[in-house]
Protein backbone atom coordinates (compact mmCIF):
# COMPACT_ATOMS: atom_id res chain seq x y z
CA MET A 1 0.55 4.50 25.36
CA ALA A 2 0.24 3.84 21.72
CA LEU A 3 1.67 6.10 19.19
CA SER A 4 -0.32 7.09 15.96
CA SER A 5 0.14 4.95 12.90
CA VAL A 6 2.57 5.87 10.03
CA ILE A 7 0.24 5.74 7.02
CA GLY A 8 0.26 6.86 3.36
CA LEU A 9 3.57 5.45 2.09
CA ALA A 10 2.17 3.15 -0.29
CA GLY A 11 3.02 3.92 -4.18
CA CYS A 12 6.82 4.49 -4.10
CA ASP A 13 7.94 5.59 -7.62
CA SER A 14 10.27 2.51 -8.06
CA GLY A 15 7.45 -0.03 -8.05
CA GLU A 16 7.48 -0.76 -4.15
CA ASP A 17 4.32 -1.43 -2.01
CA VAL A 18 3.98 -0.85 1.61
CA VAL A 19 2.54 -4.27 3.13
CA GLU A 20 2.82 -3.24 6.84
CA SER A 21 3.74 0.05 8.58
CA ASP A 22 3.07 1.30 11.96
CA SER A 23 4.71 2.75 15.29
CA LEU A 24 5.09 0.79 18.55
CA TYR A 25 6.04 1.29 22.25
CA VAL A 26 7.96 -1.45 23.52
CA LYS A 27 8.12 -1.50 27.24
CA SER A 28 11.37 -2.74 29.10
CA ASP A 29 11.57 -6.58 29.33
CA GLN A 30 8.96 -6.88 26.42
CA TYR A 31 8.75 -7.41 22.80
CA LYS A 32 6.13 -6.46 20.14
CA SER A 33 5.64 -8.21 16.90
CA GLU A 34 3.49 -7.37 13.83
CA SER A 35 2.56 -10.25 11.18
CA PHE A 36 2.43 -9.34 7.51
CA THR A 37 1.90 -11.78 4.39
CA ILE A 38 3.44 -12.24 1.25
CA ASN A 39 1.49 -13.74 -1.47
CA THR A 40 3.70 -14.44 -4.15
CA ALA A 41 7.58 -14.56 -4.04
CA GLN A 42 8.84 -10.86 -3.74
CA GLN A 43 11.87 -8.97 -2.60
CA VAL A 44 11.21 -7.18 0.89
CA LYS A 45 13.01 -4.44 2.44
CA LEU A 46 12.66 -3.10 6.09
CA LYS A 47 13.01 0.49 7.04
CA ALA A 48 12.87 1.11 10.94
CA THR A 49 13.37 4.19 13.08
CA LEU A 50 14.08 4.46 16.93
CA LEU A 51 11.71 7.43 17.88
CA GLY A 52 12.63 7.55 21.53
CA GLY A 53 13.90 5.43 24.38
CA ASN A 54 16.79 2.85 24.33
CA ALA A 55 17.92 1.06 21.37
CA ILE A 56 16.26 -2.32 20.98
CA GLU A 57 16.74 -4.85 17.94
CA ALA A 58 14.31 -5.95 15.29
CA TYR A 59 14.23 -9.24 13.37
CA VAL A 60 12.25 -10.42 10.32
CA MET A 61 11.19 -14.02 10.94
CA ASP A 62 9.16 -16.60 9.15
CA GLU A 63 6.05 -18.19 11.13
CA SER A 64 7.68 -21.19 12.63
CA GLY A 65 10.74 -18.92 13.73
CA TYR A 66 8.19 -16.73 15.53
CA ARG A 67 6.04 -19.69 17.06
CA LEU A 68 9.24 -20.92 18.32
CA TRP A 69 10.25 -17.80 20.09
CA VAL A 70 6.82 -17.31 21.66
CA ALA A 71 6.89 -20.70 23.12
CA THR A 72 10.47 -20.39 24.62
CA THR A 73 9.56 -17.02 25.87
CA GLN A 74 6.05 -17.56 27.12
CA ASN A 75 7.28 -17.27 30.80
CA ASN A 76 9.56 -14.34 30.28
CA ALA A 77 12.65 -16.89 29.87
CA PHE A 78 14.32 -14.59 27.68
CA SER A 79 17.80 -15.25 28.63
CA ASN A 80 17.38 -18.75 27.77
CA ALA A 81 15.71 -18.17 24.50
CA THR A 82 16.92 -18.95 20.75
CA LEU A 83 15.95 -17.00 17.78
CA SER A 84 15.75 -18.27 14.19
CA TYR A 85 15.39 -15.13 12.18
CA ILE A 86 15.78 -14.18 8.42
CA LYS A 87 17.12 -10.55 8.86
CA SER A 88 18.16 -8.36 11.82
CA ILE A 89 18.57 -4.95 12.74
CA THR A 90 20.72 -4.84 15.54
CA PRO A 91 21.16 -2.64 17.32
CA LEU A 92 18.36 -0.32 16.12
CA GLU A 93 19.95 3.07 17.70
CA SER A 94 18.46 5.59 15.08
CA SER A 95 17.19 4.73 11.56
CA HIS A 96 18.13 1.94 9.57
CA GLU A 97 17.15 0.38 6.26
CA THR A 98 17.90 -3.23 5.13
CA GLY A 99 19.02 -3.89 1.46
CA TRP A 100 16.39 -5.77 -0.44
CA PHE A 101 16.10 -9.66 0.12
CA ASN A 102 13.74 -12.26 -1.30
CA LEU A 103 10.84 -14.04 0.51
CA THR A 104 8.72 -16.64 -0.70
CA ALA A 105 4.88 -16.62 -0.15
CA GLY A 106 3.71 -16.96 3.18
CA ASN A 107 3.25 -15.34 6.59
CA TYR A 108 6.26 -13.50 8.35
CA TYR A 109 6.73 -11.49 11.53
CA ILE A 110 8.80 -8.21 12.41
CA LEU A 111 9.78 -8.51 15.76
CA PHE A 112 10.89 -5.73 18.13
CA GLU A 113 12.98 -7.05 20.94
CA ASN A 114 13.39 -4.97 24.15
CA THR A 115 14.47 -7.96 26.77
CA VAL A 116 17.76 -9.54 28.19
CA PHE A 117 17.96 -11.72 25.03
CA GLY A 118 20.23 -10.28 22.84
CA THR A 119 23.14 -7.81 22.44
CA VAL A 120 21.12 -4.76 23.43
CA LYS A 121 19.44 -5.09 26.64
CA PRO A 122 17.42 -2.64 28.95
CA GLY A 123 19.22 -0.95 31.38
CA LEU A 124 19.01 -1.56 35.17
CA ALA A 125 16.54 1.14 35.59
CA GLY A 126 14.32 -0.42 32.74
CA GLY A 127 13.88 1.75 29.63
CA SER A 128 11.06 1.82 26.98
CA SER A 129 11.44 2.47 23.47
CA SER A 130 9.19 3.62 20.63
CA VAL A 131 9.82 2.77 17.07
CA SER A 132 8.06 3.32 13.38
CA TYR A 133 8.77 0.80 10.80
CA SER A 134 7.56 -0.11 7.26
CA VAL A 135 7.81 -3.34 5.39
CA LEU A 136 8.17 -2.78 1.65
CA THR A 137 7.91 -4.99 -1.32
CA LYS A 138 8.44 -5.31 -4.98
CA SER A 139 8.15 -7.95 -7.60
CA THR A 140 11.05 -10.21 -8.26
CA LYS A 141 9.80 -10.33 -12.01
CA LYS A 142 11.73 -8.35 -14.44
CA SER A 143 9.36 -5.73 -16.23
């Protein structure tokens, strides 16, 4: 079951650009991720809202951290996984917005995690979650 995309947020008044925006359905004992690219050093802010279901966790990761996560969890070995992240939202129980933080040029991932890995774990009866998010950027250069 897919949720419709959240589009049309680009062009915020303060020089912000939306580089990634969507809604995801994350089943119990699974995770979903989306990649985004930063072309020059920029400030980044993540906005996320739990639309329904159980609380989950969200992380911003660089490419090497994400690849390590995928490699260690490929057999659903979430309880033994390690996670290297840049910014986290945990638990994501309603709406949350990080402050601005700096990223260098490169490929990044936003990971929505609904497994036994972290602090927030799916209930015994499972439980899926839906979330919407936006990754916003603005220049680090002063005008």
